[in-house]
Amino acid sequence: MSDIKSPVVTLTPSPTLDRTYYVHDLIEGGVNRADGVVEELAGKGINVTKGLNLIGMAAPGVVPIGNEDPSVLKRTGHTESLVPLWVDGSLRVSTTMVIKDGATTKVNEAPRPLTSEDWKAVIELTVETVTKCDAKWLVIAGALPTDLSTGKYVDLQPLFDAMKKLGVRVALDTSGEALQYWAKNGAASVMKPNAEELASAVGRSLLTNGDVIDAARELCANGVECVLASLGADGMIGVTKNHAWAARTPPIKVINTVGAGDSTLAGFLSAVAATTTAEEDDRFGVGFDVPKGISAAVQWGAVSVQQPTSGLMNLDNMPEAILTVEPNRDEPLSEPAII
């Protein structure tokens, strides 16, 4: 892994062993037999790595992994794509139930806490990997573990500080209290909240495109260069301090929504990470092609929801992207975020 050059490195602070059960008909409160079971090593950053691997981009993924399951990398096919830091303990398990022609249900275990020493080692390994890869982007994605000694979320600020010194942009995709904190902090270059997460970050409901754009601009005012608002059936709106673009695909048949957000981020990076916009021709104000990125993002997301696994299996049957410059602010969201 040390000799691989890649524009992207990912960090999954709290990976998970993802078990997906496929059920024809679910009997609540009864005994059910699965038609099939798939086991994957997953987590948002790992899923981004998987996706970018499909187009030949190495995108090494840094992961702290519990040493009680030493065969997990080989068993799940990740001996080459991930950079593990072995820590004491076990992997958390996430369980997904995919019902034929029905809803997808997911139950996630809480992230395993890390010691302060382990988190320091994660930071050091991440900086080392970014430096060796000569990466231009670091993706920090997924739930954040707590620090065993403090009970608080691990601190990302040392990573932001190190990446700033290296001239590396950070794309942050997390949720809950951590998202709200870092949305106000503004240290990330890119954040990718869904509608509910964005509404929570600004403390109000989002009913229209204009609501989404205004909420995203609040994050931009805090220092975030670009907000990728992931809106489900409404596609994605990419927002910077001065511009907004919307992208969507024609309707497609949805099989499994788990991991779709990770695929959209991988799609975005596939379009923007390998090249940057020259300062003298920066039409987008952030140094990368946002409309090109969100167009790829919705295409990859549409492919993802047509597949049964949480990580992309292939990029077949990719639909076209429909891009709108300066979207209609009054257009209502088909899936509004109510808080």
C-alpha atoms as a PDB file:
ATOM      1  CA  MET A   1       0.000   0.000   0.000  1.00  0.00           C
ATOM      2  CA  SER A   2       2.924   2.353   0.674  1.00  0.00           C
ATOM      3  CA  ASP A   3       3.826   2.674  -3.022  1.00  0.00           C
ATOM      4  CA  ILE A   4       0.284   3.451  -4.222  1.00  0.00           C
ATOM      5  CA  LYS A   5      -0.500   6.995  -5.293  1.00  0.00           C
ATOM      6  CA  SER A   6      -4.124   8.080  -5.092  1.00  0.00           C
ATOM      7  CA  PRO A   7      -5.941  11.420  -4.988  1.00  0.00           C
ATOM      8  CA  VAL A   8      -8.258  10.088  -2.249  1.00  0.00           C
ATOM      9  CA  VAL A   9      -7.739   8.436   1.137  1.00  0.00           C
ATOM     10  CA  THR A  10     -10.682   7.477   3.348  1.00  0.00           C
ATOM     11  CA  LEU A  11     -10.991   7.097   7.110  1.00  0.00           C
ATOM     12  CA  THR A  12     -13.768   5.057   8.688  1.00  0.00           C
ATOM     13  CA  PRO A  13     -13.442   5.780  12.431  1.00  0.00           C
ATOM     14  CA  SER A  14     -15.950   3.077  13.372  1.00  0.00           C
ATOM     15  CA  PRO A  15     -16.193   0.242  10.812  1.00  0.00           C
ATOM     16  CA  THR A  16     -18.865  -2.424  11.033  1.00  0.00           C
ATOM     17  CA  LEU A  17     -19.438  -6.014  10.034  1.00  0.00           C
ATOM     18  CA  ASP A  18     -22.556  -5.631   7.891  1.00  0.00           C
ATOM     19  CA  ARG A  19     -24.845  -8.674   7.661  1.00  0.00           C
ATOM     20  CA  THR A  20     -27.698  -8.382   5.179  1.00  0.00           C
ATOM     21  CA  TYR A  21     -30.626 -10.814   5.262  1.00  0.00           C
ATOM     22  CA  TYR A  22     -32.892 -11.121   2.216  1.00  0.00           C
ATOM     23  CA  VAL A  23     -36.448 -12.082   3.172  1.00  0.00           C
ATOM     24  CA  HIS A  24     -39.333 -12.786   0.812  1.00  0.00           C
ATOM     25  CA  ASP A  25     -42.104 -12.028   3.326  1.00  0.00           C
ATOM     26  CA  LEU A  26     -41.476 -10.785   6.861  1.00  0.00           C
ATOM     27  CA  ILE A  27     -43.685 -12.083   9.650  1.00  0.00           C
ATOM     28  CA  GLU A  28     -43.408  -9.641  12.528  1.00  0.00           C
ATOM     29  CA  GLY A  29     -43.070 -11.420  15.850  1.00  0.00           C
ATOM     30  CA  GLY A  30     -42.646 -14.773  14.098  1.00  0.00           C
ATOM     31  CA  VAL A  31     -39.852 -16.990  12.798  1.00  0.00           C
ATOM     32  CA  ASN A  32     -38.495 -15.980   9.390  1.00  0.00           C
ATOM     33  CA  ARG A  33     -36.201 -17.838   7.017  1.00  0.00           C
ATOM     34  CA  ALA A  34     -33.742 -15.793   4.958  1.00  0.00           C
ATOM     35  CA  ASP A  35     -33.499 -16.430   1.220  1.00  0.00           C
ATOM     36  CA  GLY A  36     -29.865 -15.355   1.412  1.00  0.00           C
ATOM     37  CA  VAL A  37     -27.295 -13.753   3.710  1.00  0.00           C
ATOM     38  CA  VAL A  38     -24.363 -11.528   2.747  1.00  0.00           C
ATOM     39  CA  GLU A  39     -21.545 -10.454   5.076  1.00  0.00           C
ATOM     40  CA  GLU A  40     -19.459  -7.366   4.301  1.00  0.00           C
ATOM     41  CA  LEU A  41     -16.909  -5.238   6.095  1.00  0.00           C
ATOM     42  CA  ALA A  42     -18.579  -1.881   5.823  1.00  0.00           C
ATOM     43  CA  GLY A  43     -18.789   1.668   7.045  1.00  0.00           C
ATOM     44  CA  LYS A  44     -19.149   4.875   5.092  1.00  0.00           C
ATOM     45  CA  GLY A  45     -15.468   5.416   4.303  1.00  0.00           C
ATOM     46  CA  ILE A  46     -14.987   1.760   3.364  1.00  0.00           C
ATOM     47  CA  ASN A  47     -17.956   2.006   0.993  1.00  0.00           C
ATOM     48  CA  VAL A  48     -16.410   5.073  -0.660  1.00  0.00           C
ATOM     49  CA  THR A  49     -13.164   3.133  -1.103  1.00  0.00           C
ATOM     50  CA  LYS A  50     -15.083   0.197  -2.622  1.00  0.00           C
ATOM     51  CA  GLY A  51     -16.839   2.492  -5.072  1.00  0.00           C
ATOM     52  CA  LEU A  52     -13.710   4.280  -6.231  1.00  0.00           C
ATOM     53  CA  ASN A  53     -11.935   0.942  -6.641  1.00  0.00           C
ATOM     54  CA  LEU A  54     -14.489   0.126  -9.356  1.00  0.00           C
ATOM     55  CA  ILE A  55     -13.035   2.859 -11.583  1.00  0.00           C
ATOM     56  CA  GLY A  56      -9.437   1.912 -10.812  1.00  0.00           C
ATOM     57  CA  MET A  57      -8.843   4.588  -8.151  1.00  0.00           C
ATOM     58  CA  ALA A  58      -7.030   2.957  -5.224  1.00  0.00           C
ATOM     59  CA  ALA A  59      -8.408   5.248  -2.468  1.00  0.00           C
ATOM     60  CA  PRO A  60      -6.813   3.392   0.499  1.00  0.00           C
ATOM     61  CA  GLY A  61      -9.087   3.204   3.528  1.00  0.00           C
ATOM     62  CA  VAL A  62      -7.759   3.627   7.064  1.00  0.00           C
ATOM     63  CA  VAL A  63      -9.749   1.589   9.608  1.00  0.00           C
ATOM     64  CA  PRO A  64      -9.338   0.761  13.299  1.00  0.00           C
ATOM     65  CA  ILE A  65     -10.411  -2.893  13.516  1.00  0.00           C
ATOM     66  CA  GLY A  66     -11.017  -5.034  16.596  1.00  0.00           C
ATOM     67  CA  ASN A  67      -8.356  -7.722  16.851  1.00  0.00           C
ATOM     68  CA  GLU A  68     -10.817 -10.399  18.022  1.00  0.00           C
ATOM     69  CA  ASP A  69     -11.604 -11.115  14.342  1.00  0.00           C
ATOM     70  CA  PRO A  70      -8.147 -11.242  12.694  1.00  0.00           C
ATOM     71  CA  SER A  71      -9.427 -12.970   9.542  1.00  0.00           C
ATOM     72  CA  VAL A  72     -12.032 -10.340   8.680  1.00  0.00           C
ATOM     73  CA  LEU A  73      -9.982  -8.556   5.999  1.00  0.00           C
ATOM     74  CA  LYS A  74      -9.224 -11.755   4.108  1.00  0.00           C
ATOM     75  CA  ARG A  75     -12.731 -13.121   4.590  1.00  0.00           C
ATOM     76  CA  THR A  76     -14.373 -10.008   3.175  1.00  0.00           C
ATOM     77  CA  GLY A  77     -11.839  -9.394   0.405  1.00  0.00           C
ATOM     78  CA  HIS A  78     -10.126  -6.285   1.775  1.00  0.00           C
ATOM     79  CA  THR A  79      -6.501  -7.332   2.182  1.00  0.00           C
ATOM     80  CA  GLU A  80      -5.379  -4.825  -0.479  1.00  0.00           C
ATOM     81  CA  SER A  81      -7.798  -1.900  -0.237  1.00  0.00           C
ATOM     82  CA  LEU A  82      -7.666  -1.118   3.491  1.00  0.00           C
ATOM     83  CA  VAL A  83      -4.966   0.089   5.878  1.00  0.00           C
ATOM     84  CA  PRO A  84      -5.877  -1.465   9.251  1.00  0.00           C
ATOM     85  CA  LEU A  85      -4.973  -0.353  12.728  1.00  0.00           C
ATOM     86  CA  TRP A  86      -5.599  -3.346  14.990  1.00  0.00           C
ATOM     87  CA  VAL A  87      -7.129  -2.345  18.321  1.00  0.00           C
ATOM     88  CA  ASP A  88      -8.355  -4.372  21.289  1.00  0.00           C
ATOM     89  CA  GLY A  89     -11.924  -5.604  21.057  1.00  0.00           C
ATOM     90  CA  SER A  90     -14.436  -6.762  18.466  1.00  0.00           C
ATOM     91  CA  LEU A  91     -16.071  -5.211  15.413  1.00  0.00           C
ATOM     92  CA  ARG A  92     -19.554  -3.829  15.856  1.00  0.00           C
ATOM     93  CA  VAL A  93     -22.249  -5.565  13.818  1.00  0.00           C
ATOM     94  CA  SER A  94     -24.942  -3.939  11.677  1.00  0.00           C
ATOM     95  CA  THR A  95     -27.934  -5.988  10.604  1.00  0.00           C
ATOM     96  CA  THR A  96     -29.956  -5.175   7.483  1.00  0.00           C
ATOM     97  CA  MET A  97     -33.199  -6.844   6.416  1.00  0.00           C
ATOM     98  CA  VAL A  98     -34.165  -6.415   2.775  1.00  0.00           C
ATOM     99  CA  ILE A  99     -37.759  -7.470   2.127  1.00  0.00           C
ATOM    100  CA  LYS A 100     -38.691  -8.375  -1.450  1.00  0.00           C
ATOM    101  CA  ASP A 101     -40.756  -5.490  -2.884  1.00  0.00           C
ATOM    102  CA  GLY A 102     -40.765  -3.909   0.569  1.00  0.00           C
ATOM    103  CA  ALA A 103     -38.823  -1.679   2.917  1.00  0.00           C
ATOM    104  CA  THR A 104     -35.196  -2.008   3.975  1.00  0.00           C
ATOM    105  CA  THR A 105     -34.661  -2.135   7.750  1.00  0.00           C
ATOM    106  CA  LYS A 106     -31.254  -1.576   9.350  1.00  0.00           C
ATOM    107  CA  VAL A 107     -30.138  -1.946  12.965  1.00  0.00           C
ATOM    108  CA  ASN A 108     -26.685  -0.580  13.814  1.00  0.00           C
ATOM    109  CA  GLU A 109     -24.707  -1.324  16.944  1.00  0.00           C
ATOM    110  CA  ALA A 110     -23.231   1.734  18.604  1.00  0.00           C
ATOM    111  CA  PRO A 111     -19.595   2.483  17.689  1.00  0.00           C
ATOM    112  CA  ARG A 112     -16.984   0.781  19.849  1.00  0.00           C
ATOM    113  CA  PRO A 113     -15.143   3.326  22.066  1.00  0.00           C
ATOM    114  CA  LEU A 114     -11.428   3.860  21.461  1.00  0.00           C
ATOM    115  CA  THR A 115      -8.683   4.683  23.924  1.00  0.00           C
ATOM    116  CA  SER A 116      -6.924   8.025  23.574  1.00  0.00           C
ATOM    117  CA  GLU A 117      -3.787   6.166  22.518  1.00  0.00           C
ATOM    118  CA  ASP A 118      -5.653   4.276  19.784  1.00  0.00           C
ATOM    119  CA  TRP A 119      -7.232   7.456  18.427  1.00  0.00           C
ATOM    120  CA  LYS A 120      -3.833   9.168  18.369  1.00  0.00           C
ATOM    121  CA  ALA A 121      -2.526   6.165  16.406  1.00  0.00           C
ATOM    122  CA  VAL A 122      -5.481   6.448  13.974  1.00  0.00           C
ATOM    123  CA  ILE A 123      -4.599  10.090  13.342  1.00  0.00           C
ATOM    124  CA  GLU A 124      -0.926   9.269  12.798  1.00  0.00           C
ATOM    125  CA  LEU A 125      -1.720   6.413  10.408  1.00  0.00           C
ATOM    126  CA  THR A 126      -4.146   8.587   8.455  1.00  0.00           C
ATOM    127  CA  VAL A 127      -1.647  11.420   8.035  1.00  0.00           C
ATOM    128  CA  GLU A 128       1.044   8.918   7.043  1.00  0.00           C
ATOM    129  CA  THR A 129      -1.246   7.298   4.458  1.00  0.00           C
ATOM    130  CA  VAL A 130      -2.336  10.633   2.972  1.00  0.00           C
ATOM    131  CA  THR A 131       1.299  11.715   2.698  1.00  0.00           C
ATOM    132  CA  LYS A 132       2.471   8.451   1.084  1.00  0.00           C
ATOM    133  CA  CYS A 133      -0.397   8.525  -1.407  1.00  0.00           C
ATOM    134  CA  ASP A 134       0.163  12.201  -2.239  1.00  0.00           C
ATOM    135  CA  ALA A 135      -3.608  12.488  -1.787  1.00  0.00           C
ATOM    136  CA  LYS A 136      -5.545  15.700  -2.375  1.00  0.00           C
ATOM    137  CA  TRP A 137      -8.701  14.585  -0.567  1.00  0.00           C
ATOM    138  CA  LEU A 138      -9.355  12.885   2.770  1.00  0.00           C
ATOM    139  CA  VAL A 139     -12.816  11.434   3.354  1.00  0.00           C
ATOM    140  CA  ILE A 140     -13.825  11.092   7.006  1.00  0.00           C
ATOM    141  CA  ALA A 141     -17.068   9.164   6.965  1.00  0.00           C
ATOM    142  CA  GLY A 142     -19.385   7.350   9.312  1.00  0.00           C
ATOM    143  CA  ALA A 143     -20.232   7.434  12.992  1.00  0.00           C
ATOM    144  CA  LEU A 144     -17.572   8.687  15.380  1.00  0.00           C
ATOM    145  CA  PRO A 145     -16.505   6.563  18.363  1.00  0.00           C
ATOM    146  CA  THR A 146     -16.194   7.988  21.831  1.00  0.00           C
ATOM    147  CA  ASP A 147     -12.959   8.331  23.765  1.00  0.00           C
ATOM    148  CA  LEU A 148     -12.876   5.789  26.607  1.00  0.00           C
ATOM    149  CA  SER A 149     -11.221   8.232  28.992  1.00  0.00           C
ATOM    150  CA  THR A 150     -13.619  11.154  28.446  1.00  0.00           C
ATOM    151  CA  GLY A 151     -16.861   9.618  27.158  1.00  0.00           C
ATOM    152  CA  LYS A 152     -16.939  12.319  24.482  1.00  0.00           C
ATOM    153  CA  TYR A 153     -16.605  11.921  20.739  1.00  0.00           C
ATOM    154  CA  VAL A 154     -13.040  11.608  19.484  1.00  0.00           C
ATOM    155  CA  ASP A 155     -11.602  14.929  18.330  1.00  0.00           C
ATOM    156  CA  LEU A 156     -11.232  15.433  14.568  1.00  0.00           C
ATOM    157  CA  GLN A 157      -9.487  18.798  14.884  1.00  0.00           C
ATOM    158  CA  PRO A 158      -5.931  17.356  14.753  1.00  0.00           C
ATOM    159  CA  LEU A 159      -6.839  15.745  11.427  1.00  0.00           C
ATOM    160  CA  PHE A 160      -8.261  18.985  10.043  1.00  0.00           C
ATOM    161  CA  ASP A 161      -5.144  20.848  11.170  1.00  0.00           C
ATOM    162  CA  ALA A 162      -2.808  18.271   9.612  1.00  0.00           C
ATOM    163  CA  MET A 163      -4.707  18.240   6.311  1.00  0.00           C
ATOM    164  CA  LYS A 164      -4.663  22.040   6.138  1.00  0.00           C
ATOM    165  CA  LYS A 165      -0.887  22.001   6.429  1.00  0.00           C
ATOM    166  CA  LEU A 166      -0.689  19.403   3.651  1.00  0.00           C
ATOM    167  CA  GLY A 167      -3.086  21.314   1.370  1.00  0.00           C
ATOM    168  CA  VAL A 168      -5.576  18.429   1.456  1.00  0.00           C
ATOM    169  CA  ARG A 169      -9.337  18.971   1.319  1.00  0.00           C
ATOM    170  CA  VAL A 170     -11.493  17.064   3.818  1.00  0.00           C
ATOM    171  CA  ALA A 171     -14.928  15.682   2.931  1.00  0.00           C
ATOM    172  CA  LEU A 172     -16.873  14.911   6.111  1.00  0.00           C
ATOM    173  CA  ASP A 173     -19.932  12.661   6.152  1.00  0.00           C
ATOM    174  CA  THR A 174     -21.255  11.976   9.633  1.00  0.00           C
ATOM    175  CA  SER A 175     -24.489  12.461  11.552  1.00  0.00           C
ATOM    176  CA  GLY A 176     -26.079  13.343  14.869  1.00  0.00           C
ATOM    177  CA  GLU A 177     -24.316  15.515  17.420  1.00  0.00           C
ATOM    178  CA  ALA A 178     -21.007  15.171  15.594  1.00  0.00           C
ATOM    179  CA  LEU A 179     -22.484  16.566  12.379  1.00  0.00           C
ATOM    180  CA  GLN A 180     -24.065  19.491  14.203  1.00  0.00           C
ATOM    181  CA  TYR A 181     -20.785  20.323  15.937  1.00  0.00           C
ATOM    182  CA  TRP A 182     -18.606  20.182  12.829  1.00  0.00           C
ATOM    183  CA  ALA A 183     -21.229  21.999  10.735  1.00  0.00           C
ATOM    184  CA  LYS A 184     -20.820  24.946  13.091  1.00  0.00           C
ATOM    185  CA  ASN A 185     -17.035  24.520  13.255  1.00  0.00           C
ATOM    186  CA  GLY A 186     -16.692  24.824   9.470  1.00  0.00           C
ATOM    187  CA  ALA A 187     -13.334  23.025   9.240  1.00  0.00           C
ATOM    188  CA  ALA A 188     -14.418  20.577   6.507  1.00  0.00           C
ATOM    189  CA  SER A 189     -14.120  21.531   2.837  1.00  0.00           C
ATOM    190  CA  VAL A 190     -17.182  19.451   1.906  1.00  0.00           C
ATOM    191  CA  MET A 191     -20.059  18.128   3.996  1.00  0.00           C
ATOM    192  CA  LYS A 192     -22.750  15.741   2.724  1.00  0.00           C
ATOM    193  CA  PRO A 193     -25.826  15.834   4.959  1.00  0.00           C
ATOM    194  CA  ASN A 194     -29.167  14.371   3.957  1.00  0.00           C
ATOM    195  CA  ALA A 195     -32.287  16.525   4.319  1.00  0.00           C
ATOM    196  CA  GLU A 196     -33.012  15.446   7.896  1.00  0.00           C
ATOM    197  CA  GLU A 197     -29.405  15.989   8.975  1.00  0.00           C
ATOM    198  CA  LEU A 198     -29.249  19.421   7.343  1.00  0.00           C
ATOM    199  CA  ALA A 199     -32.536  20.411   8.970  1.00  0.00           C
ATOM    200  CA  SER A 200     -31.188  19.294  12.341  1.00  0.00           C
ATOM    201  CA  ALA A 201     -27.960  21.237  11.811  1.00  0.00           C
ATOM    202  CA  VAL A 202     -29.830  24.530  11.284  1.00  0.00           C
ATOM    203  CA  GLY A 203     -32.734  23.826  13.620  1.00  0.00           C
ATOM    204  CA  ARG A 204     -35.670  24.187  11.216  1.00  0.00           C
ATOM    205  CA  SER A 205     -37.726  22.213   8.713  1.00  0.00           C
ATOM    206  CA  LEU A 206     -36.808  22.102   5.034  1.00  0.00           C
ATOM    207  CA  LEU A 207     -39.796  22.139   2.687  1.00  0.00           C
ATOM    208  CA  THR A 208     -38.459  23.586  -0.575  1.00  0.00           C
ATOM    209  CA  ASN A 209     -35.290  23.850  -2.648  1.00  0.00           C
ATOM    210  CA  GLY A 210     -34.883  27.353  -1.278  1.00  0.00           C
ATOM    211  CA  ASP A 211     -34.987  26.070   2.293  1.00  0.00           C
ATOM    212  CA  VAL A 212     -32.221  23.587   1.444  1.00  0.00           C
ATOM    213  CA  ILE A 213     -30.072  26.233  -0.239  1.00  0.00           C
ATOM    214  CA  ASP A 214     -30.474  28.699   2.641  1.00  0.00           C
ATOM    215  CA  ALA A 215     -29.655  26.027   5.234  1.00  0.00           C
ATOM    216  CA  ALA A 216     -26.568  24.931   3.279  1.00  0.00           C
ATOM    217  CA  ARG A 217     -25.425  28.538   2.993  1.00  0.00           C
ATOM    218  CA  GLU A 218     -25.429  28.765   6.795  1.00  0.00           C
ATOM    219  CA  LEU A 219     -22.835  25.969   6.818  1.00  0.00           C
ATOM    220  CA  CYS A 220     -20.873  27.770   4.080  1.00  0.00           C
ATOM    221  CA  ALA A 221     -20.895  30.921   6.223  1.00  0.00           C
ATOM    222  CA  ASN A 222     -19.191  28.870   8.952  1.00  0.00           C
ATOM    223  CA  GLY A 223     -16.357  27.970   6.558  1.00  0.00           C
ATOM    224  CA  VAL A 224     -17.540  24.871   4.665  1.00  0.00           C
ATOM    225  CA  GLU A 225     -16.641  25.333   0.981  1.00  0.00           C
ATOM    226  CA  CYS A 226     -19.373  23.148  -0.469  1.00  0.00           C
ATOM    227  CA  VAL A 227     -22.446  21.413   0.956  1.00  0.00           C
ATOM    228  CA  LEU A 228     -23.800  18.380  -0.884  1.00  0.00           C
ATOM    229  CA  ALA A 229     -27.405  18.095   0.245  1.00  0.00           C
ATOM    230  CA  SER A 230     -28.517  14.524  -0.462  1.00  0.00           C
ATOM    231  CA  LEU A 231     -32.300  14.573  -0.961  1.00  0.00           C
ATOM    232  CA  GLY A 232     -33.339  11.019  -1.830  1.00  0.00           C
ATOM    233  CA  ALA A 233     -35.852  11.030  -4.683  1.00  0.00           C
ATOM    234  CA  ASP A 234     -35.197  14.767  -5.144  1.00  0.00           C
ATOM    235  CA  GLY A 235     -31.569  14.092  -6.052  1.00  0.00           C
ATOM    236  CA  MET A 236     -28.836  16.383  -4.763  1.00  0.00           C
ATOM    237  CA  ILE A 237     -28.314  20.118  -4.438  1.00  0.00           C
ATOM    238  CA  GLY A 238     -24.717  21.321  -4.371  1.00  0.00           C
ATOM    239  CA  VAL A 239     -24.306  24.656  -2.621  1.00  0.00           C
ATOM    240  CA  THR A 240     -21.368  27.013  -2.279  1.00  0.00           C
ATOM    241  CA  LYS A 241     -21.211  30.525  -0.871  1.00  0.00           C
ATOM    242  CA  ASN A 242     -22.343  32.045  -4.172  1.00  0.00           C
ATOM    243  CA  HIS A 243     -23.772  29.241  -6.330  1.00  0.00           C
ATOM    244  CA  ALA A 244     -26.247  26.369  -6.260  1.00  0.00           C
ATOM    245  CA  TRP A 245     -26.880  23.477  -8.656  1.00  0.00           C
ATOM    246  CA  ALA A 246     -29.387  20.624  -8.556  1.00  0.00           C
ATOM    247  CA  ALA A 247     -28.986  17.161 -10.079  1.00  0.00           C
ATOM    248  CA  ARG A 248     -31.265  14.141 -10.286  1.00  0.00           C
ATOM    249  CA  THR A 249     -31.860  11.074 -12.424  1.00  0.00           C
ATOM    250  CA  PRO A 250     -35.060   9.728 -13.976  1.00  0.00           C
ATOM    251  CA  PRO A 251     -37.017   7.457 -11.586  1.00  0.00           C
ATOM    252  CA  ILE A 252     -35.479   4.021 -11.026  1.00  0.00           C
ATOM    253  CA  LYS A 253     -36.547   0.854  -9.182  1.00  0.00           C
ATOM    254  CA  VAL A 254     -35.205   0.877  -5.631  1.00  0.00           C
ATOM    255  CA  ILE A 255     -34.049  -2.444  -4.143  1.00  0.00           C
ATOM    256  CA  ASN A 256     -31.814  -1.408  -1.227  1.00  0.00           C
ATOM    257  CA  THR A 257     -31.081   2.111   0.010  1.00  0.00           C
ATOM    258  CA  VAL A 258     -28.339   1.155   2.487  1.00  0.00           C
ATOM    259  CA  GLY A 259     -25.006   2.623   1.379  1.00  0.00           C
ATOM    260  CA  ALA A 260     -26.538   4.835  -1.317  1.00  0.00           C
ATOM    261  CA  GLY A 261     -25.252   8.005   0.347  1.00  0.00           C
ATOM    262  CA  ASP A 262     -21.725   6.584   0.375  1.00  0.00           C
ATOM    263  CA  SER A 263     -22.032   5.813  -3.331  1.00  0.00           C
ATOM    264  CA  THR A 264     -23.069   9.389  -4.057  1.00  0.00           C
ATOM    265  CA  LEU A 265     -19.963  10.680  -2.280  1.00  0.00           C
ATOM    266  CA  ALA A 266     -17.791   8.216  -4.206  1.00  0.00           C
ATOM    267  CA  GLY A 267     -19.414   9.395  -7.431  1.00  0.00           C
ATOM    268  CA  PHE A 268     -18.768  13.018  -6.549  1.00  0.00           C
ATOM    269  CA  LEU A 269     -15.104  12.303  -5.838  1.00  0.00           C
ATOM    270  CA  SER A 270     -14.742  10.243  -9.014  1.00  0.00           C
ATOM    271  CA  ALA A 271     -15.541  13.413 -10.941  1.00  0.00           C
ATOM    272  CA  VAL A 272     -13.612  16.033  -8.950  1.00  0.00           C
ATOM    273  CA  ALA A 273     -10.720  14.377  -7.095  1.00  0.00           C
ATOM    274  CA  ALA A 274      -8.377  13.556  -9.958  1.00  0.00           C
ATOM    275  CA  THR A 275      -8.307  17.121 -11.293  1.00  0.00           C
ATOM    276  CA  THR A 276      -8.692  20.582  -9.861  1.00  0.00           C
ATOM    277  CA  THR A 277      -9.868  23.799 -11.452  1.00  0.00           C
ATOM    278  CA  ALA A 278      -7.077  26.285 -12.128  1.00  0.00           C
ATOM    279  CA  GLU A 279      -7.358  29.403  -9.984  1.00  0.00           C
ATOM    280  CA  GLU A 280      -7.402  31.637 -13.037  1.00  0.00           C
ATOM    281  CA  ASP A 281     -10.385  29.695 -14.432  1.00  0.00           C
ATOM    282  CA  ASP A 282     -12.263  28.898 -11.232  1.00  0.00           C
ATOM    283  CA  ARG A 283     -15.853  29.281 -12.369  1.00  0.00           C
ATOM    284  CA  PHE A 284     -17.135  27.554  -9.252  1.00  0.00           C
ATOM    285  CA  GLY A 285     -15.310  29.473  -6.526  1.00  0.00           C
ATOM    286  CA  VAL A 286     -14.028  26.407  -4.690  1.00  0.00           C
ATOM    287  CA  GLY A 287     -11.356  24.935  -6.977  1.00  0.00           C
ATOM    288  CA  PHE A 288     -13.365  21.924  -8.164  1.00  0.00           C
ATOM    289  CA  ASP A 289     -16.231  21.318 -10.588  1.00  0.00           C
ATOM    290  CA  VAL A 290     -19.306  21.103  -8.350  1.00  0.00           C
ATOM    291  CA  PRO A 291     -21.942  20.571 -11.092  1.00  0.00           C
ATOM    292  CA  LYS A 292     -19.881  17.796 -12.665  1.00  0.00           C
ATOM    293  CA  GLY A 293     -19.453  16.258  -9.229  1.00  0.00           C
ATOM    294  CA  ILE A 294     -23.130  16.260  -8.233  1.00  0.00           C
ATOM    295  CA  SER A 295     -24.127  14.900 -11.644  1.00  0.00           C
ATOM    296  CA  ALA A 296     -21.856  11.902 -11.081  1.00  0.00           C
ATOM    297  CA  ALA A 297     -23.065  11.653  -7.479  1.00  0.00           C
ATOM    298  CA  VAL A 298     -26.722  11.134  -8.368  1.00  0.00           C
ATOM    299  CA  GLN A 299     -25.808   8.670 -11.112  1.00  0.00           C
ATOM    300  CA  TRP A 300     -23.754   6.536  -8.713  1.00  0.00           C
ATOM    301  CA  GLY A 301     -26.476   6.770  -6.064  1.00  0.00           C
ATOM    302  CA  ALA A 302     -29.090   5.581  -8.565  1.00  0.00           C
ATOM    303  CA  VAL A 303     -26.927   2.593  -9.488  1.00  0.00           C
ATOM    304  CA  SER A 304     -26.406   1.788  -5.808  1.00  0.00           C
ATOM    305  CA  VAL A 305     -30.088   1.585  -4.847  1.00  0.00           C
ATOM    306  CA  GLN A 306     -30.679  -0.932  -7.659  1.00  0.00           C
ATOM    307  CA  GLN A 307     -28.191  -3.368  -6.059  1.00  0.00           C
ATOM    308  CA  PRO A 308     -28.728  -5.622  -3.020  1.00  0.00           C
ATOM    309  CA  THR A 309     -25.512  -4.896  -1.088  1.00  0.00           C
ATOM    310  CA  SER A 310     -24.433  -1.909   1.026  1.00  0.00           C
ATOM    311  CA  GLY A 311     -21.329  -1.422  -1.129  1.00  0.00           C
ATOM    312  CA  LEU A 312     -21.399  -0.941  -4.894  1.00  0.00           C
ATOM    313  CA  MET A 313     -20.943  -4.181  -6.833  1.00  0.00           C
ATOM    314  CA  ASN A 314     -20.604  -2.547 -10.271  1.00  0.00           C
ATOM    315  CA  LEU A 315     -21.507   0.598 -12.195  1.00  0.00           C
ATOM    316  CA  ASP A 316     -23.835  -1.036 -14.706  1.00  0.00           C
ATOM    317  CA  ASN A 317     -27.172   0.467 -15.778  1.00  0.00           C
ATOM    318  CA  MET A 318     -26.101   4.004 -14.941  1.00  0.00           C
ATOM    319  CA  PRO A 319     -28.892   6.483 -15.765  1.00  0.00           C
ATOM    320  CA  GLU A 320     -28.394   9.946 -17.183  1.00  0.00           C
ATOM    321  CA  ALA A 321     -28.057  12.925 -14.865  1.00  0.00           C
ATOM    322  CA  ILE A 322     -30.366  15.934 -15.203  1.00  0.00           C
ATOM    323  CA  LEU A 323     -28.554  19.099 -14.068  1.00  0.00           C
ATOM    324  CA  THR A 324     -30.247  22.386 -13.199  1.00  0.00           C
ATOM    325  CA  VAL A 325     -28.255  25.566 -12.697  1.00  0.00           C
ATOM    326  CA  GLU A 326     -29.766  27.791  -9.983  1.00  0.00           C
ATOM    327  CA  PRO A 327     -32.718  25.515  -9.117  1.00  0.00           C
ATOM    328  CA  ASN A 328     -36.212  26.879  -8.575  1.00  0.00           C
ATOM    329  CA  ARG A 329     -36.247  27.951  -4.936  1.00  0.00           C
ATOM    330  CA  ASP A 330     -40.022  27.564  -4.646  1.00  0.00           C
ATOM    331  CA  GLU A 331     -40.119  23.940  -5.805  1.00  0.00           C
ATOM    332  CA  PRO A 332     -41.315  21.758  -2.900  1.00  0.00           C
ATOM    333  CA  LEU A 333     -39.338  18.724  -1.813  1.00  0.00           C
ATOM    334  CA  SER A 334     -41.100  15.438  -2.422  1.00  0.00           C
ATOM    335  CA  GLU A 335     -39.455  14.210   0.795  1.00  0.00           C
ATOM    336  CA  PRO A 336     -39.435  17.277   3.101  1.00  0.00           C
ATOM    337  CA  ALA A 337     -37.495  17.258   6.359  1.00  0.00           C
ATOM    338  CA  ILE A 338     -39.790  18.146   9.260  1.00  0.00           C
ATOM    339  CA  ILE A 339     -38.409  18.900  12.698  1.00  0.00           C
END
